[in-house]
Amino acid sequence: NSAGQLGGGTTSSASETPAKVSLPADRTTLQVSVGGLHALALLDNGDVYAWGSNASGQLGLGDTTSRSTPAKVTLPRPAVAVAAGGNFSVAALDDGTVYAWGSNELGQLGNGSHTSTSSPTPVSELNGVVAVAAGNAHGLALLVDGRVFAWGADALGQLGDGGLVARHTPVEVASGIARIRAGADSSIAITPGRL
């Protein structure tokens, strides 16, 4: 909890028992995602809240100040999915676009640059996205038509594009997919069936 990643308002010692994170009382949390030392929550109205370490701007709040309580991320539209990576974050919006923020030295923001940012920025050339996933330094997007795009670090083949070179913009890596997940340096895609 050194960066406030437990979301309880302190940066004191670790907790051995679950503790409640305070989010807007009139909303329902649909999804949570935990990164290296930060977390994201997606609410039923499309709002995204972030807390924890912010040294790389991974909270998306326009600065690099860590937060020990949830703070609202300003996005251009309501979100439908979120993913917290090692020190970056990704959100799919209700119009099918994707925004990312935080560290970008390996292209994990997918915008064609190496520049990190503490404000949400569009991921290049993605539309029709319904789900996102984030690993240590790579991102995945699942499109409504079942195609999967990947970007970011690839030293261990985590992008699945047949190479071992980081990609700074998304590249298509699979089709006919129903769900995606990303680990630290790995990716998994699930085909349709008994979900």
N, C-alpha and C. Protein backbone atom coordinates (compact mmCIF):
# COMPACT_ATOMS: atom_id res chain seq x y z
N ASN A 1 0.82 -1.21 0.00
CA ASN A 1 0.00 0.00 0.00
C ASN A 1 0.86 1.27 0.00
N SER A 2 2.12 1.16 -0.35
CA SER A 2 3.03 2.31 -0.29
C SER A 2 2.61 3.44 -1.22
N ALA A 3 1.85 3.15 -2.25
CA ALA A 3 1.37 4.18 -3.18
C ALA A 3 -0.13 4.41 -3.05
N GLY A 4 -0.75 3.85 -2.01
CA GLY A 4 -2.19 4.00 -1.83
C GLY A 4 -3.01 3.10 -2.71
N GLN A 5 -2.40 2.00 -3.19
CA GLN A 5 -3.11 1.14 -4.14
C GLN A 5 -4.27 0.37 -3.53
N LEU A 6 -4.41 0.37 -2.20
CA LEU A 6 -5.58 -0.25 -1.58
C LEU A 6 -6.80 0.66 -1.65
N GLY A 7 -6.59 1.94 -1.96
CA GLY A 7 -7.71 2.85 -2.17
C GLY A 7 -8.44 3.29 -0.93
N GLY A 8 -7.86 3.08 0.24
CA GLY A 8 -8.54 3.41 1.49
C GLY A 8 -8.19 4.75 2.09
N GLY A 9 -7.38 5.55 1.40
CA GLY A 9 -7.06 6.88 1.89
C GLY A 9 -5.76 6.99 2.64
N THR A 10 -5.00 5.88 2.74
CA THR A 10 -3.73 5.92 3.44
C THR A 10 -2.64 5.32 2.56
N THR A 11 -1.41 5.51 2.98
CA THR A 11 -0.26 4.83 2.36
C THR A 11 0.50 4.08 3.45
N SER A 12 -0.24 3.62 4.43
CA SER A 12 0.35 2.91 5.56
C SER A 12 0.62 1.45 5.20
N SER A 13 0.80 0.64 6.18
CA SER A 13 1.18 -0.75 5.97
C SER A 13 0.15 -1.54 5.17
N ALA A 14 0.60 -2.66 4.70
CA ALA A 14 -0.27 -3.56 3.95
C ALA A 14 -1.41 -4.06 4.82
N SER A 15 -2.45 -4.56 4.18
CA SER A 15 -3.60 -5.09 4.91
C SER A 15 -3.74 -6.58 4.62
N GLU A 16 -3.96 -7.34 5.67
CA GLU A 16 -4.14 -8.79 5.51
C GLU A 16 -5.60 -9.17 5.32
N THR A 17 -6.50 -8.19 5.43
CA THR A 17 -7.92 -8.46 5.27
C THR A 17 -8.51 -7.49 4.25
N PRO A 18 -9.59 -7.89 3.56
CA PRO A 18 -10.21 -7.00 2.58
C PRO A 18 -10.75 -5.73 3.23
N ALA A 19 -10.63 -4.63 2.51
CA ALA A 19 -11.17 -3.35 2.97
C ALA A 19 -11.94 -2.71 1.82
N LYS A 20 -12.97 -1.99 2.14
CA LYS A 20 -13.83 -1.38 1.13
C LYS A 20 -13.16 -0.16 0.51
N VAL A 21 -13.29 -0.04 -0.82
CA VAL A 21 -12.85 1.14 -1.56
C VAL A 21 -14.09 1.98 -1.80
N SER A 22 -14.04 3.26 -1.46
CA SER A 22 -15.21 4.13 -1.59
C SER A 22 -15.32 4.71 -2.99
N LEU A 23 -16.39 4.34 -3.68
CA LEU A 23 -16.73 4.87 -5.00
C LEU A 23 -18.10 5.53 -4.88
N PRO A 24 -18.55 6.29 -5.87
CA PRO A 24 -19.85 6.96 -5.76
C PRO A 24 -20.96 6.00 -5.34
N ALA A 25 -21.67 6.35 -4.28
CA ALA A 25 -22.66 5.47 -3.66
C ALA A 25 -23.86 5.17 -4.55
N ASP A 26 -24.16 6.06 -5.48
CA ASP A 26 -25.34 5.87 -6.32
C ASP A 26 -25.04 5.09 -7.60
N ARG A 27 -23.86 4.53 -7.71
CA ARG A 27 -23.45 3.82 -8.92
C ARG A 27 -23.09 2.38 -8.59
N THR A 28 -23.10 1.52 -9.62
CA THR A 28 -22.69 0.13 -9.49
C THR A 28 -21.36 -0.05 -10.22
N THR A 29 -20.44 -0.75 -9.60
CA THR A 29 -19.16 -1.04 -10.24
C THR A 29 -19.32 -2.26 -11.13
N LEU A 30 -18.98 -2.10 -12.42
CA LEU A 30 -19.11 -3.19 -13.39
C LEU A 30 -17.83 -3.97 -13.58
N GLN A 31 -16.69 -3.29 -13.43
CA GLN A 31 -15.41 -3.94 -13.70
C GLN A 31 -14.32 -3.27 -12.87
N VAL A 32 -13.37 -4.07 -12.42
CA VAL A 32 -12.16 -3.54 -11.79
C VAL A 32 -10.96 -4.19 -12.46
N SER A 33 -9.84 -3.48 -12.45
CA SER A 33 -8.60 -4.02 -13.02
C SER A 33 -7.44 -3.51 -12.18
N VAL A 34 -6.49 -4.39 -11.92
CA VAL A 34 -5.34 -4.05 -11.09
C VAL A 34 -4.07 -4.14 -11.91
N GLY A 35 -3.27 -3.07 -11.86
CA GLY A 35 -1.99 -3.03 -12.56
C GLY A 35 -0.85 -3.31 -11.60
N GLY A 36 0.33 -2.76 -11.94
CA GLY A 36 1.49 -2.97 -11.08
C GLY A 36 1.26 -2.47 -9.68
N LEU A 37 0.97 -1.18 -9.53
CA LEU A 37 0.70 -0.57 -8.23
C LEU A 37 -0.48 0.39 -8.31
N HIS A 38 -1.38 0.17 -9.25
CA HIS A 38 -2.55 1.03 -9.39
C HIS A 38 -3.77 0.20 -9.78
N ALA A 39 -4.94 0.80 -9.63
CA ALA A 39 -6.18 0.09 -9.94
C ALA A 39 -7.15 1.01 -10.66
N LEU A 40 -8.06 0.40 -11.43
CA LEU A 40 -9.12 1.11 -12.15
C LEU A 40 -10.46 0.48 -11.80
N ALA A 41 -11.50 1.30 -11.78
CA ALA A 41 -12.87 0.81 -11.62
C ALA A 41 -13.75 1.44 -12.69
N LEU A 42 -14.58 0.63 -13.34
CA LEU A 42 -15.55 1.10 -14.34
C LEU A 42 -16.93 1.04 -13.71
N LEU A 43 -17.64 2.17 -13.72
CA LEU A 43 -18.98 2.24 -13.14
C LEU A 43 -20.04 2.07 -14.22
N ASP A 44 -21.28 1.86 -13.78
CA ASP A 44 -22.37 1.56 -14.70
C ASP A 44 -22.76 2.72 -15.60
N ASN A 45 -22.31 3.92 -15.32
CA ASN A 45 -22.58 5.06 -16.20
C ASN A 45 -21.42 5.36 -17.13
N GLY A 46 -20.40 4.48 -17.13
CA GLY A 46 -19.25 4.66 -18.00
C GLY A 46 -18.12 5.47 -17.41
N ASP A 47 -18.29 5.95 -16.18
CA ASP A 47 -17.20 6.68 -15.51
C ASP A 47 -16.09 5.71 -15.12
N VAL A 48 -14.85 6.22 -15.16
CA VAL A 48 -13.69 5.43 -14.75
C VAL A 48 -13.00 6.14 -13.59
N TYR A 49 -12.69 5.39 -12.55
CA TYR A 49 -11.96 5.91 -11.40
C TYR A 49 -10.63 5.16 -11.27
N ALA A 50 -9.60 5.90 -10.80
CA ALA A 50 -8.27 5.32 -10.69
C ALA A 50 -7.65 5.70 -9.35
N TRP A 51 -6.76 4.84 -8.84
CA TRP A 51 -6.05 5.16 -7.60
C TRP A 51 -4.77 4.33 -7.53
N GLY A 52 -3.84 4.78 -6.67
CA GLY A 52 -2.58 4.09 -6.48
C GLY A 52 -1.41 4.88 -7.04
N SER A 53 -0.37 4.17 -7.44
CA SER A 53 0.84 4.80 -7.98
C SER A 53 0.54 5.55 -9.27
N ASN A 54 1.21 6.68 -9.43
CA ASN A 54 0.97 7.51 -10.61
C ASN A 54 2.28 8.09 -11.15
N ALA A 55 3.40 7.44 -10.87
CA ALA A 55 4.71 7.95 -11.25
C ALA A 55 4.86 8.12 -12.75
N SER A 56 4.13 7.31 -13.53
CA SER A 56 4.19 7.41 -15.00
C SER A 56 2.93 8.02 -15.59
N GLY A 57 2.06 8.56 -14.73
CA GLY A 57 0.79 9.11 -15.22
C GLY A 57 -0.25 8.06 -15.49
N GLN A 58 -0.09 6.85 -14.94
CA GLN A 58 -1.00 5.75 -15.23
C GLN A 58 -2.40 5.91 -14.66
N LEU A 59 -2.61 6.91 -13.82
CA LEU A 59 -3.97 7.17 -13.32
C LEU A 59 -4.78 8.02 -14.30
N GLY A 60 -4.12 8.67 -15.24
CA GLY A 60 -4.83 9.45 -16.26
C GLY A 60 -5.44 10.74 -15.75
N LEU A 61 -4.83 11.34 -14.74
CA LEU A 61 -5.40 12.52 -14.10
C LEU A 61 -4.68 13.81 -14.48
N GLY A 62 -3.76 13.74 -15.45
CA GLY A 62 -3.07 14.93 -15.92
C GLY A 62 -1.86 15.31 -15.11
N ASP A 63 -1.46 14.44 -14.17
CA ASP A 63 -0.27 14.72 -13.36
C ASP A 63 0.40 13.40 -13.00
N THR A 64 1.41 13.46 -12.15
CA THR A 64 2.10 12.24 -11.71
C THR A 64 2.06 12.09 -10.19
N THR A 65 1.00 12.61 -9.59
CA THR A 65 0.81 12.50 -8.14
C THR A 65 -0.01 11.25 -7.82
N SER A 66 0.51 10.39 -6.98
CA SER A 66 -0.23 9.18 -6.60
C SER A 66 -1.46 9.56 -5.79
N ARG A 67 -2.48 8.69 -5.81
CA ARG A 67 -3.72 8.92 -5.08
C ARG A 67 -4.03 7.71 -4.21
N SER A 68 -4.42 7.96 -2.97
CA SER A 68 -4.78 6.86 -2.08
C SER A 68 -6.29 6.65 -2.00
N THR A 69 -7.04 7.46 -2.72
CA THR A 69 -8.48 7.26 -2.87
C THR A 69 -8.84 7.40 -4.34
N PRO A 70 -9.93 6.80 -4.79
CA PRO A 70 -10.30 6.85 -6.21
C PRO A 70 -10.54 8.28 -6.70
N ALA A 71 -10.04 8.58 -7.90
CA ALA A 71 -10.24 9.87 -8.55
C ALA A 71 -10.77 9.61 -9.96
N LYS A 72 -11.69 10.44 -10.41
CA LYS A 72 -12.32 10.24 -11.71
C LYS A 72 -11.39 10.62 -12.84
N VAL A 73 -11.30 9.72 -13.84
CA VAL A 73 -10.52 9.96 -15.05
C VAL A 73 -11.42 10.67 -16.06
N THR A 74 -10.93 11.75 -16.66
CA THR A 74 -11.72 12.47 -17.66
C THR A 74 -11.50 11.86 -19.03
N LEU A 75 -12.54 11.26 -19.57
CA LEU A 75 -12.52 10.65 -20.90
C LEU A 75 -13.52 11.37 -21.78
N PRO A 76 -13.34 11.34 -23.11
CA PRO A 76 -14.26 12.06 -24.00
C PRO A 76 -15.66 11.45 -24.09
N ARG A 77 -15.78 10.17 -23.74
CA ARG A 77 -17.07 9.47 -23.80
C ARG A 77 -17.11 8.42 -22.69
N PRO A 78 -18.28 7.87 -22.39
CA PRO A 78 -18.35 6.80 -21.40
C PRO A 78 -17.53 5.57 -21.82
N ALA A 79 -16.93 4.91 -20.86
CA ALA A 79 -16.14 3.71 -21.13
C ALA A 79 -17.02 2.46 -21.01
N VAL A 80 -16.62 1.41 -21.72
CA VAL A 80 -17.31 0.11 -21.63
C VAL A 80 -16.38 -0.99 -21.11
N ALA A 81 -15.07 -0.71 -21.06
CA ALA A 81 -14.10 -1.69 -20.56
C ALA A 81 -12.83 -0.96 -20.16
N VAL A 82 -12.15 -1.49 -19.13
CA VAL A 82 -10.88 -0.91 -18.68
C VAL A 82 -9.86 -2.02 -18.43
N ALA A 83 -8.59 -1.65 -18.50
CA ALA A 83 -7.51 -2.58 -18.19
C ALA A 83 -6.33 -1.80 -17.65
N ALA A 84 -5.79 -2.27 -16.52
CA ALA A 84 -4.61 -1.65 -15.92
C ALA A 84 -3.40 -2.51 -16.21
N GLY A 85 -2.38 -1.91 -16.82
CA GLY A 85 -1.14 -2.61 -17.10
C GLY A 85 -0.12 -2.35 -16.02
N GLY A 86 1.14 -2.67 -16.31
CA GLY A 86 2.20 -2.48 -15.33
C GLY A 86 2.27 -1.05 -14.83
N ASN A 87 2.41 -0.09 -15.74
CA ASN A 87 2.40 1.33 -15.39
C ASN A 87 1.72 2.16 -16.47
N PHE A 88 0.68 1.58 -17.03
CA PHE A 88 -0.17 2.28 -17.99
C PHE A 88 -1.58 1.74 -17.87
N SER A 89 -2.53 2.43 -18.49
CA SER A 89 -3.94 2.03 -18.43
C SER A 89 -4.59 2.17 -19.79
N VAL A 90 -5.65 1.40 -20.01
CA VAL A 90 -6.36 1.38 -21.29
C VAL A 90 -7.86 1.37 -21.01
N ALA A 91 -8.63 2.09 -21.84
CA ALA A 91 -10.09 2.06 -21.74
C ALA A 91 -10.70 2.02 -23.13
N ALA A 92 -11.69 1.16 -23.30
CA ALA A 92 -12.50 1.14 -24.52
C ALA A 92 -13.74 1.99 -24.25
N LEU A 93 -14.07 2.88 -25.20
CA LEU A 93 -15.20 3.77 -25.02
C LEU A 93 -16.43 3.25 -25.75
N ASP A 94 -17.59 3.85 -25.46
CA ASP A 94 -18.85 3.35 -26.01
C ASP A 94 -19.01 3.58 -27.51
N ASP A 95 -18.10 4.33 -28.13
CA ASP A 95 -18.13 4.49 -29.59
C ASP A 95 -17.14 3.57 -30.28
N GLY A 96 -16.54 2.64 -29.53
CA GLY A 96 -15.63 1.66 -30.11
C GLY A 96 -14.19 2.09 -30.20
N THR A 97 -13.87 3.31 -29.76
CA THR A 97 -12.48 3.77 -29.77
C THR A 97 -11.79 3.35 -28.48
N VAL A 98 -10.45 3.49 -28.46
CA VAL A 98 -9.66 3.10 -27.30
C VAL A 98 -8.74 4.26 -26.93
N TYR A 99 -8.64 4.50 -25.62
CA TYR A 99 -7.73 5.51 -25.09
C TYR A 99 -6.77 4.84 -24.12
N ALA A 100 -5.53 5.36 -24.06
CA ALA A 100 -4.53 4.82 -23.15
C ALA A 100 -3.75 5.97 -22.54
N TRP A 101 -3.13 5.70 -21.38
CA TRP A 101 -2.33 6.73 -20.70
C TRP A 101 -1.32 6.06 -19.78
N GLY A 102 -0.22 6.80 -19.50
CA GLY A 102 0.83 6.29 -18.64
C GLY A 102 2.14 6.13 -19.38
N SER A 103 2.92 5.13 -18.97
CA SER A 103 4.24 4.90 -19.55
C SER A 103 4.13 4.44 -21.00
N ASN A 104 5.12 4.83 -21.83
CA ASN A 104 5.04 4.51 -23.25
C ASN A 104 6.40 4.18 -23.86
N GLU A 105 7.39 3.83 -23.04
CA GLU A 105 8.72 3.60 -23.61
C GLU A 105 8.77 2.40 -24.56
N LEU A 106 7.84 1.47 -24.44
CA LEU A 106 7.80 0.31 -25.32
C LEU A 106 6.58 0.32 -26.24
N GLY A 107 5.95 1.49 -26.37
CA GLY A 107 4.80 1.61 -27.27
C GLY A 107 3.50 1.14 -26.67
N GLN A 108 3.43 1.01 -25.34
CA GLN A 108 2.23 0.45 -24.74
C GLN A 108 1.00 1.35 -24.83
N LEU A 109 1.18 2.61 -25.25
CA LEU A 109 0.00 3.47 -25.48
C LEU A 109 -0.55 3.33 -26.89
N GLY A 110 0.20 2.66 -27.77
CA GLY A 110 -0.31 2.34 -29.10
C GLY A 110 -0.60 3.53 -29.99
N ASN A 111 0.07 4.65 -29.75
CA ASN A 111 -0.21 5.86 -30.54
C ASN A 111 0.93 6.23 -31.49
N GLY A 112 1.87 5.31 -31.69
CA GLY A 112 2.95 5.54 -32.64
C GLY A 112 4.14 6.31 -32.09
N SER A 113 4.11 6.67 -30.81
CA SER A 113 5.21 7.45 -30.24
C SER A 113 5.86 6.69 -29.09
N HIS A 114 6.89 7.31 -28.51
CA HIS A 114 7.54 6.79 -27.31
C HIS A 114 7.26 7.69 -26.12
N THR A 115 6.40 8.68 -26.29
CA THR A 115 6.18 9.69 -25.27
C THR A 115 5.10 9.25 -24.28
N SER A 116 5.45 9.23 -23.02
CA SER A 116 4.48 8.91 -21.97
C SER A 116 3.55 10.10 -21.78
N THR A 117 2.34 9.85 -21.28
CA THR A 117 1.39 10.94 -21.03
C THR A 117 0.53 10.61 -19.82
N SER A 118 0.20 11.64 -19.06
CA SER A 118 -0.65 11.46 -17.89
C SER A 118 -2.11 11.76 -18.19
N SER A 119 -2.43 12.01 -19.46
CA SER A 119 -3.81 12.25 -19.89
C SER A 119 -4.20 11.22 -20.94
N PRO A 120 -5.44 10.76 -20.94
CA PRO A 120 -5.87 9.78 -21.93
C PRO A 120 -5.65 10.28 -23.35
N THR A 121 -5.08 9.40 -24.19
CA THR A 121 -4.79 9.71 -25.58
C THR A 121 -5.28 8.56 -26.46
N PRO A 122 -5.77 8.84 -27.67
CA PRO A 122 -6.31 7.77 -28.51
C PRO A 122 -5.25 6.75 -28.93
N VAL A 123 -5.61 5.49 -28.92
CA VAL A 123 -4.80 4.44 -29.52
C VAL A 123 -5.07 4.48 -31.01
N SER A 124 -4.02 4.40 -31.81
CA SER A 124 -4.14 4.58 -33.26
C SER A 124 -5.02 3.55 -33.94
N GLU A 125 -5.88 4.03 -34.83
CA GLU A 125 -6.58 3.22 -35.83
C GLU A 125 -7.39 2.06 -35.27
N LEU A 126 -7.99 2.23 -34.11
CA LEU A 126 -8.86 1.18 -33.57
C LEU A 126 -10.29 1.69 -33.50
N ASN A 127 -11.21 0.90 -34.06
CA ASN A 127 -12.64 1.20 -34.01
C ASN A 127 -13.39 -0.10 -33.80
N GLY A 128 -14.56 -0.03 -33.21
CA GLY A 128 -15.37 -1.22 -32.98
C GLY A 128 -14.87 -2.10 -31.86
N VAL A 129 -14.12 -1.52 -30.91
CA VAL A 129 -13.55 -2.29 -29.81
C VAL A 129 -14.59 -2.49 -28.70
N VAL A 130 -14.67 -3.71 -28.20
CA VAL A 130 -15.62 -4.03 -27.13
C VAL A 130 -14.94 -4.48 -25.84
N ALA A 131 -13.65 -4.82 -25.91
CA ALA A 131 -12.92 -5.26 -24.72
C ALA A 131 -11.44 -4.94 -24.88
N VAL A 132 -10.78 -4.70 -23.75
CA VAL A 132 -9.33 -4.45 -23.75
C VAL A 132 -8.68 -5.28 -22.64
N ALA A 133 -7.38 -5.51 -22.80
CA ALA A 133 -6.58 -6.20 -21.79
C ALA A 133 -5.21 -5.55 -21.78
N ALA A 134 -4.53 -5.62 -20.65
CA ALA A 134 -3.20 -5.01 -20.54
C ALA A 134 -2.29 -5.90 -19.73
N GLY A 135 -1.08 -6.10 -20.24
CA GLY A 135 -0.05 -6.84 -19.52
C GLY A 135 0.92 -5.87 -18.88
N ASN A 136 2.12 -6.33 -18.64
CA ASN A 136 3.12 -5.48 -18.03
C ASN A 136 3.40 -4.25 -18.90
N ALA A 137 3.60 -4.46 -20.20
CA ALA A 137 3.89 -3.35 -21.11
C ALA A 137 3.32 -3.60 -22.50
N HIS A 138 2.19 -4.30 -22.58
CA HIS A 138 1.53 -4.49 -23.87
C HIS A 138 0.02 -4.45 -23.68
N GLY A 139 -0.67 -4.11 -24.77
CA GLY A 139 -2.12 -4.01 -24.73
C GLY A 139 -2.77 -4.87 -25.79
N LEU A 140 -4.03 -5.24 -25.55
CA LEU A 140 -4.84 -6.02 -26.48
C LEU A 140 -6.20 -5.36 -26.61
N ALA A 141 -6.77 -5.45 -27.81
CA ALA A 141 -8.13 -4.96 -28.04
C ALA A 141 -8.91 -6.00 -28.82
N LEU A 142 -10.13 -6.29 -28.37
CA LEU A 142 -11.04 -7.21 -29.05
C LEU A 142 -12.10 -6.39 -29.75
N LEU A 143 -12.24 -6.60 -31.06
CA LEU A 143 -13.24 -5.89 -31.84
C LEU A 143 -14.55 -6.66 -31.88
N VAL A 144 -15.62 -5.96 -32.19
CA VAL A 144 -16.95 -6.57 -32.23
C VAL A 144 -17.02 -7.71 -33.25
N ASP A 145 -16.17 -7.68 -34.27
CA ASP A 145 -16.16 -8.73 -35.28
C ASP A 145 -15.26 -9.91 -34.92
N GLY A 146 -14.70 -9.92 -33.71
CA GLY A 146 -13.89 -11.04 -33.25
C GLY A 146 -12.41 -10.94 -33.54
N ARG A 147 -11.98 -9.87 -34.19
CA ARG A 147 -10.55 -9.70 -34.43
C ARG A 147 -9.86 -9.15 -33.19
N VAL A 148 -8.58 -9.50 -33.02
CA VAL A 148 -7.78 -9.03 -31.89
C VAL A 148 -6.58 -8.25 -32.43
N PHE A 149 -6.34 -7.09 -31.85
CA PHE A 149 -5.17 -6.28 -32.16
C PHE A 149 -4.29 -6.18 -30.92
N ALA A 150 -2.97 -6.11 -31.12
CA ALA A 150 -2.02 -6.04 -30.02
C ALA A 150 -0.98 -4.97 -30.29
N TRP A 151 -0.41 -4.42 -29.23
CA TRP A 151 0.64 -3.41 -29.36
C TRP A 151 1.48 -3.38 -28.08
N GLY A 152 2.66 -2.77 -28.18
CA GLY A 152 3.54 -2.61 -27.03
C GLY A 152 4.70 -3.58 -27.04
N ALA A 153 5.18 -3.96 -25.87
CA ALA A 153 6.35 -4.82 -25.73
C ALA A 153 6.11 -6.18 -26.36
N ASP A 154 7.20 -6.77 -26.92
CA ASP A 154 7.06 -8.08 -27.57
C ASP A 154 8.32 -8.92 -27.44
N ALA A 155 9.20 -8.60 -26.50
CA ALA A 155 10.46 -9.32 -26.37
C ALA A 155 10.27 -10.81 -26.11
N LEU A 156 9.13 -11.18 -25.54
CA LEU A 156 8.84 -12.59 -25.24
C LEU A 156 7.72 -13.14 -26.11
N GLY A 157 7.39 -12.43 -27.19
CA GLY A 157 6.37 -12.90 -28.11
C GLY A 157 4.95 -12.68 -27.64
N GLN A 158 4.77 -11.81 -26.65
CA GLN A 158 3.44 -11.63 -26.07
C GLN A 158 2.41 -11.00 -27.01
N LEU A 159 2.86 -10.38 -28.09
CA LEU A 159 1.90 -9.80 -29.04
C LEU A 159 1.31 -10.86 -29.97
N GLY A 160 2.02 -11.95 -30.19
CA GLY A 160 1.49 -13.02 -31.02
C GLY A 160 1.52 -12.72 -32.50
N ASP A 161 2.39 -11.79 -32.93
CA ASP A 161 2.44 -11.45 -34.36
C ASP A 161 3.57 -12.15 -35.09
N GLY A 162 4.20 -13.13 -34.45
CA GLY A 162 5.26 -13.90 -35.10
C GLY A 162 6.64 -13.29 -34.99
N GLY A 163 6.76 -12.14 -34.34
CA GLY A 163 8.06 -11.50 -34.18
C GLY A 163 8.36 -11.26 -32.72
N LEU A 164 9.48 -10.60 -32.48
CA LEU A 164 9.89 -10.27 -31.11
C LEU A 164 10.26 -8.80 -31.03
N VAL A 165 9.54 -7.97 -31.78
CA VAL A 165 9.84 -6.54 -31.86
C VAL A 165 8.65 -5.76 -31.34
N ALA A 166 8.90 -4.78 -30.46
CA ALA A 166 7.82 -3.94 -29.93
C ALA A 166 7.07 -3.25 -31.06
N ARG A 167 5.77 -3.12 -30.90
CA ARG A 167 4.91 -2.44 -31.87
C ARG A 167 4.34 -1.20 -31.21
N HIS A 168 4.50 -0.05 -31.86
CA HIS A 168 4.03 1.22 -31.29
C HIS A 168 2.64 1.60 -31.78
N THR A 169 2.10 0.81 -32.68
CA THR A 169 0.70 0.94 -33.11
C THR A 169 0.10 -0.47 -33.17
N PRO A 170 -1.21 -0.60 -33.06
CA PRO A 170 -1.82 -1.92 -33.03
C PRO A 170 -1.62 -2.71 -34.32
N VAL A 171 -1.43 -4.01 -34.18
CA VAL A 171 -1.31 -4.93 -35.30
C VAL A 171 -2.30 -6.08 -35.07
N GLU A 172 -2.98 -6.50 -36.14
CA GLU A 172 -3.94 -7.60 -36.01
C GLU A 172 -3.21 -8.91 -35.80
N VAL A 173 -3.67 -9.67 -34.78
CA VAL A 173 -2.99 -10.92 -34.45
C VAL A 173 -3.90 -12.15 -34.42
N ALA A 174 -5.21 -11.96 -34.42
CA ALA A 174 -6.11 -13.12 -34.35
C ALA A 174 -7.50 -12.70 -34.83
N SER A 175 -8.31 -13.72 -35.16
CA SER A 175 -9.71 -13.48 -35.54
C SER A 175 -10.55 -14.62 -34.98
N GLY A 176 -11.87 -14.43 -34.96
CA GLY A 176 -12.76 -15.45 -34.43
C GLY A 176 -12.66 -15.61 -32.93
N ILE A 177 -12.43 -14.51 -32.22
CA ILE A 177 -12.18 -14.56 -30.77
C ILE A 177 -13.37 -13.99 -30.01
N ALA A 178 -13.64 -14.55 -28.82
CA ALA A 178 -14.75 -14.09 -27.98
C ALA A 178 -14.28 -13.33 -26.74
N ARG A 179 -13.10 -13.68 -26.21
CA ARG A 179 -12.59 -13.03 -25.01
C ARG A 179 -11.07 -12.93 -25.07
N ILE A 180 -10.52 -11.92 -24.39
CA ILE A 180 -9.07 -11.76 -24.33
C ILE A 180 -8.64 -11.52 -22.88
N ARG A 181 -7.40 -11.93 -22.59
CA ARG A 181 -6.78 -11.66 -21.30
C ARG A 181 -5.29 -11.44 -21.54
N ALA A 182 -4.67 -10.66 -20.67
CA ALA A 182 -3.23 -10.44 -20.76
C ALA A 182 -2.61 -10.64 -19.39
N GLY A 183 -1.49 -11.36 -19.35
CA GLY A 183 -0.71 -11.49 -18.13
C GLY A 183 0.46 -10.54 -18.20
N ALA A 184 1.42 -10.71 -17.34
CA ALA A 184 2.57 -9.81 -17.32
C ALA A 184 3.23 -9.75 -18.69
N ASP A 185 3.62 -10.89 -19.23
CA ASP A 185 4.28 -10.95 -20.54
C ASP A 185 3.67 -12.04 -21.39
N SER A 186 2.36 -12.20 -21.31
CA SER A 186 1.67 -13.22 -22.10
C SER A 186 0.26 -12.75 -22.44
N SER A 187 -0.33 -13.41 -23.42
CA SER A 187 -1.69 -13.07 -23.85
C SER A 187 -2.46 -14.37 -24.11
N ILE A 188 -3.77 -14.30 -23.88
CA ILE A 188 -4.64 -15.45 -24.12
C ILE A 188 -5.90 -14.96 -24.83
N ALA A 189 -6.34 -15.74 -25.82
CA ALA A 189 -7.59 -15.46 -26.53
C ALA A 189 -8.48 -16.70 -26.46
N ILE A 190 -9.75 -16.48 -26.21
CA ILE A 190 -10.72 -17.57 -26.10
C ILE A 190 -11.66 -17.51 -27.28
N THR A 191 -11.83 -18.62 -27.98
CA THR A 191 -12.75 -18.67 -29.10
C THR A 191 -14.18 -18.88 -28.58
N PRO A 192 -15.18 -18.59 -29.42
CA PRO A 192 -16.56 -18.76 -28.97
C PRO A 192 -16.85 -20.22 -28.62
N GLY A 193 -17.80 -20.41 -27.76
CA GLY A 193 -18.18 -21.75 -27.32
C GLY A 193 -18.94 -21.61 -26.03
N ARG A 194 -18.71 -22.50 -25.14
CA ARG A 194 -19.37 -22.44 -23.84
C ARG A 194 -18.65 -21.43 -22.96
N LEU A 195 -19.16 -20.23 -22.94
CA LEU A 195 -18.58 -19.17 -22.12
C LEU A 195 -19.38 -19.10 -20.87
